[in-house]
């Protein structure tokens, strides 16, 4: 199964299809953390994805 961006993290805009820049990745992480603060935990696949070397 291929990882997909969680569209629920983008209630204010259409979710992107990919995160090509560091700024896009930082925005995604910020949205992920904000959702976590409200008790919306990410899928395991999301955690695995953001731990990959491409996100470092």
C-alpha atoms as a PDB file:
ATOM      1  CA  UNK A   1       0.000   0.000   0.000  1.00  0.00           C
ATOM      2  CA  UNK A   2       1.327   3.418  -0.945  1.00  0.00           C
ATOM      3  CA  UNK A   3       1.258   6.181   1.646  1.00  0.00           C
ATOM      4  CA  UNK A   4      -1.291   8.909   0.964  1.00  0.00           C
ATOM      5  CA  UNK A   5      -1.455  12.403   2.396  1.00  0.00           C
ATOM      6  CA  UNK A   6      -4.191  12.669   5.018  1.00  0.00           C
ATOM      7  CA  UNK A   7      -6.710  15.085   3.565  1.00  0.00           C
ATOM      8  CA  UNK A   8      -8.262  15.658   7.008  1.00  0.00           C
ATOM      9  CA  UNK A   9      -5.201  17.752   7.858  1.00  0.00           C
ATOM     10  CA  UNK A  10      -6.216  20.303   5.210  1.00  0.00           C
ATOM     11  CA  UNK A  11      -9.673  21.567   6.249  1.00  0.00           C
ATOM     12  CA  UNK A  12      -8.853  25.029   4.910  1.00  0.00           C
ATOM     13  CA  UNK A  13      -7.684  24.019   1.435  1.00  0.00           C
ATOM     14  CA  UNK A  14      -7.517  21.115  -0.995  1.00  0.00           C
ATOM     15  CA  UNK A  15      -4.909  18.575   0.134  1.00  0.00           C
ATOM     16  CA  UNK A  16      -1.812  18.330  -2.045  1.00  0.00           C
ATOM     17  CA  UNK A  17      -1.015  15.206  -4.042  1.00  0.00           C
ATOM     18  CA  UNK A  18       2.634  15.274  -2.979  1.00  0.00           C
ATOM     19  CA  UNK A  19       4.995  17.299  -0.797  1.00  0.00           C
ATOM     20  CA  UNK A  20       7.873  18.295  -3.079  1.00  0.00           C
ATOM     21  CA  UNK A  21       9.596  20.943  -0.947  1.00  0.00           C
ATOM     22  CA  UNK A  22      10.911  21.199   2.595  1.00  0.00           C
ATOM     23  CA  UNK A  23       8.341  23.952   3.217  1.00  0.00           C
ATOM     24  CA  UNK A  24       5.528  21.606   2.158  1.00  0.00           C
ATOM     25  CA  UNK A  25       6.876  18.878   4.430  1.00  0.00           C
ATOM     26  CA  UNK A  26       7.179  21.298   7.372  1.00  0.00           C
ATOM     27  CA  UNK A  27       3.601  22.463   6.798  1.00  0.00           C
ATOM     28  CA  UNK A  28       2.430  18.834   6.804  1.00  0.00           C
ATOM     29  CA  UNK A  29       4.299  18.073  10.049  1.00  0.00           C
ATOM     30  CA  UNK A  30       2.828  21.211  11.675  1.00  0.00           C
ATOM     31  CA  UNK A  31      -0.666  20.161  10.631  1.00  0.00           C
ATOM     32  CA  UNK A  32      -0.011  16.614  11.860  1.00  0.00           C
ATOM     33  CA  UNK A  33       1.140  17.886  15.272  1.00  0.00           C
ATOM     34  CA  UNK A  34      -1.808  20.268  15.560  1.00  0.00           C
ATOM     35  CA  UNK A  35      -4.242  17.440  14.843  1.00  0.00           C
ATOM     36  CA  UNK A  36      -2.450  15.271  17.411  1.00  0.00           C
ATOM     37  CA  UNK A  37      -2.982  18.045  20.004  1.00  0.00           C
ATOM     38  CA  UNK A  38      -6.708  17.568  19.449  1.00  0.00           C
ATOM     39  CA  UNK A  39      -6.510  13.787  19.814  1.00  0.00           C
ATOM     40  CA  UNK A  40      -6.496  12.942  16.097  1.00  0.00           C
ATOM     41  CA  UNK A  41      -3.672  10.438  15.873  1.00  0.00           C
ATOM     42  CA  UNK A  42      -2.032   9.636  12.526  1.00  0.00           C
ATOM     43  CA  UNK A  43      -2.119   6.273  10.821  1.00  0.00           C
ATOM     44  CA  UNK A  44       0.913   4.047  11.327  1.00  0.00           C
ATOM     45  CA  UNK A  45       1.790   4.458   7.642  1.00  0.00           C
ATOM     46  CA  UNK A  46       2.072   8.223   8.162  1.00  0.00           C
ATOM     47  CA  UNK A  47       4.507   7.763  11.044  1.00  0.00           C
ATOM     48  CA  UNK A  48       6.587   5.365   8.947  1.00  0.00           C
ATOM     49  CA  UNK A  49       6.606   7.836   6.045  1.00  0.00           C
ATOM     50  CA  UNK A  50       7.748  10.886   8.006  1.00  0.00           C
ATOM     51  CA  UNK A  51      10.560   8.854   9.598  1.00  0.00           C
ATOM     52  CA  UNK A  52      12.089   8.048   6.205  1.00  0.00           C
ATOM     53  CA  UNK A  53      15.417   9.649   5.274  1.00  0.00           C
ATOM     54  CA  UNK A  54      13.701  11.784   2.610  1.00  0.00           C
ATOM     55  CA  UNK A  55      12.104  13.784   5.435  1.00  0.00           C
ATOM     56  CA  UNK A  56      15.384  14.546   7.221  1.00  0.00           C
END
